[in-house]
Amino acid sequence: MRRWAWTPQILEPEVCDGMEWFPLDALPEPMVAYCRAGLDAYRAGAAVALHFQEPGDPIGHDPAVHRLRLLPGR
């Protein structure tokens, strides 16, 4: 089992307004779409996942704009 041994800190406060730990089944909103896609893929146990954005897509996660594709692993 791996454990986190350091205290997280924001090193780029001009582009990050906060950092907290959340359970995977209680993720915060709003959340950046590609970050949410990565966590959703991890939660699904995907070996490989692809997330893409189209021009005009929101940066924040929007369940109506589903662009995550889970790909079969080996």
C-alpha atoms as a PDB file:
ATOM      1  CA  MET A   1       0.000   0.000   0.000  1.00  0.00           C
ATOM      2  CA  ARG A   2       1.303   3.424  -0.923  1.00  0.00           C
ATOM      3  CA  ARG A   3       0.780   6.430   1.307  1.00  0.00           C
ATOM      4  CA  TRP A   4       1.266  10.143   0.864  1.00  0.00           C
ATOM      5  CA  ALA A   5       4.078  11.332   3.125  1.00  0.00           C
ATOM      6  CA  TRP A   6       4.217  15.086   2.470  1.00  0.00           C
ATOM      7  CA  THR A   7       1.993  18.073   3.022  1.00  0.00           C
ATOM      8  CA  PRO A   8       0.604  19.257  -0.338  1.00  0.00           C
ATOM      9  CA  GLN A   9       1.115  22.916  -1.096  1.00  0.00           C
ATOM     10  CA  ILE A  10       0.095  25.271  -3.863  1.00  0.00           C
ATOM     11  CA  LEU A  11       3.246  26.393  -5.666  1.00  0.00           C
ATOM     12  CA  GLU A  12       1.489  28.396  -8.409  1.00  0.00           C
ATOM     13  CA  PRO A  13      -1.118  30.508  -6.575  1.00  0.00           C
ATOM     14  CA  GLU A  14      -1.671  32.645  -9.666  1.00  0.00           C
ATOM     15  CA  VAL A  15      -3.268  29.662 -11.470  1.00  0.00           C
ATOM     16  CA  CYS A  16      -4.573  27.546  -8.545  1.00  0.00           C
ATOM     17  CA  ASP A  17      -7.133  28.780  -6.054  1.00  0.00           C
ATOM     18  CA  GLY A  18      -7.248  25.756  -3.772  1.00  0.00           C
ATOM     19  CA  MET A  19      -6.376  22.139  -3.120  1.00  0.00           C
ATOM     20  CA  GLU A  20      -8.289  19.606  -1.046  1.00  0.00           C
ATOM     21  CA  TRP A  21      -8.735  15.819  -0.747  1.00  0.00           C
ATOM     22  CA  PHE A  22     -12.096  14.374  -1.813  1.00  0.00           C
ATOM     23  CA  PRO A  23     -13.521  10.846  -1.933  1.00  0.00           C
ATOM     24  CA  LEU A  24     -13.881   9.591  -5.530  1.00  0.00           C
ATOM     25  CA  ASP A  25     -17.637   9.349  -5.067  1.00  0.00           C
ATOM     26  CA  ALA A  26     -17.919  12.968  -3.865  1.00  0.00           C
ATOM     27  CA  LEU A  27     -15.832  15.015  -6.301  1.00  0.00           C
ATOM     28  CA  PRO A  28     -16.306  18.791  -6.233  1.00  0.00           C
ATOM     29  CA  GLU A  29     -17.904  20.934  -8.914  1.00  0.00           C
ATOM     30  CA  PRO A  30     -16.802  22.785 -10.878  1.00  0.00           C
ATOM     31  CA  MET A  31     -13.880  20.633 -11.946  1.00  0.00           C
ATOM     32  CA  VAL A  32     -11.662  20.837 -15.049  1.00  0.00           C
ATOM     33  CA  ALA A  33     -13.082  18.395 -17.617  1.00  0.00           C
ATOM     34  CA  TYR A  34      -9.879  16.456 -18.374  1.00  0.00           C
ATOM     35  CA  CYS A  35      -9.122  16.033 -14.662  1.00  0.00           C
ATOM     36  CA  ARG A  36     -12.608  14.654 -14.044  1.00  0.00           C
ATOM     37  CA  ALA A  37     -12.239  12.361 -17.083  1.00  0.00           C
ATOM     38  CA  GLY A  38      -8.992  10.944 -15.697  1.00  0.00           C
ATOM     39  CA  LEU A  39     -10.553  10.253 -12.312  1.00  0.00           C
ATOM     40  CA  ASP A  40     -13.628   8.686 -13.941  1.00  0.00           C
ATOM     41  CA  ALA A  41     -11.350   6.414 -16.012  1.00  0.00           C
ATOM     42  CA  TYR A  42      -9.382   5.422 -12.905  1.00  0.00           C
ATOM     43  CA  ARG A  43     -12.603   4.695 -11.028  1.00  0.00           C
ATOM     44  CA  ALA A  44     -13.785   2.508 -13.931  1.00  0.00           C
ATOM     45  CA  GLY A  45     -10.525   0.526 -13.804  1.00  0.00           C
ATOM     46  CA  ALA A  46      -9.604   1.479 -17.375  1.00  0.00           C
ATOM     47  CA  ALA A  47      -6.113   0.553 -18.516  1.00  0.00           C
ATOM     48  CA  VAL A  48      -6.242   3.259 -21.194  1.00  0.00           C
ATOM     49  CA  ALA A  49      -8.590   6.210 -21.616  1.00  0.00           C
ATOM     50  CA  LEU A  50      -8.942   8.997 -24.147  1.00  0.00           C
ATOM     51  CA  HIS A  51     -10.476  12.367 -23.380  1.00  0.00           C
ATOM     52  CA  PHE A  52     -10.793  15.052 -25.994  1.00  0.00           C
ATOM     53  CA  GLN A  53     -12.409  18.464 -26.258  1.00  0.00           C
ATOM     54  CA  GLU A  54     -14.090  20.043 -29.249  1.00  0.00           C
ATOM     55  CA  PRO A  55     -13.884  23.761 -29.997  1.00  0.00           C
ATOM     56  CA  GLY A  56     -16.491  25.485 -27.862  1.00  0.00           C
ATOM     57  CA  ASP A  57     -16.610  22.778 -25.182  1.00  0.00           C
ATOM     58  CA  PRO A  58     -16.592  24.140 -21.629  1.00  0.00           C
ATOM     59  CA  ILE A  59     -13.362  23.852 -19.666  1.00  0.00           C
ATOM     60  CA  GLY A  60     -15.309  22.739 -16.622  1.00  0.00           C
ATOM     61  CA  HIS A  61     -16.774  19.250 -16.375  1.00  0.00           C
ATOM     62  CA  ASP A  62     -20.261  19.089 -17.883  1.00  0.00           C
ATOM     63  CA  PRO A  63     -21.980  15.671 -17.792  1.00  0.00           C
ATOM     64  CA  ALA A  64     -23.891  16.655 -20.950  1.00  0.00           C
ATOM     65  CA  VAL A  65     -20.593  16.893 -22.869  1.00  0.00           C
ATOM     66  CA  HIS A  66     -19.317  13.330 -22.581  1.00  0.00           C
ATOM     67  CA  ARG A  67     -15.936  13.028 -24.328  1.00  0.00           C
ATOM     68  CA  LEU A  68     -14.306  10.191 -22.361  1.00  0.00           C
ATOM     69  CA  ARG A  69     -13.609   6.930 -24.170  1.00  0.00           C
ATOM     70  CA  LEU A  70     -12.380   3.923 -22.202  1.00  0.00           C
ATOM     71  CA  LEU A  71     -10.147   1.747 -24.365  1.00  0.00           C
ATOM     72  CA  PRO A  72      -9.535  -1.960 -23.854  1.00  0.00           C
ATOM     73  CA  GLY A  73      -6.179  -2.799 -22.320  1.00  0.00           C
ATOM     74  CA  ARG A  74      -4.015  -5.812 -23.077  1.00  0.00           C
END
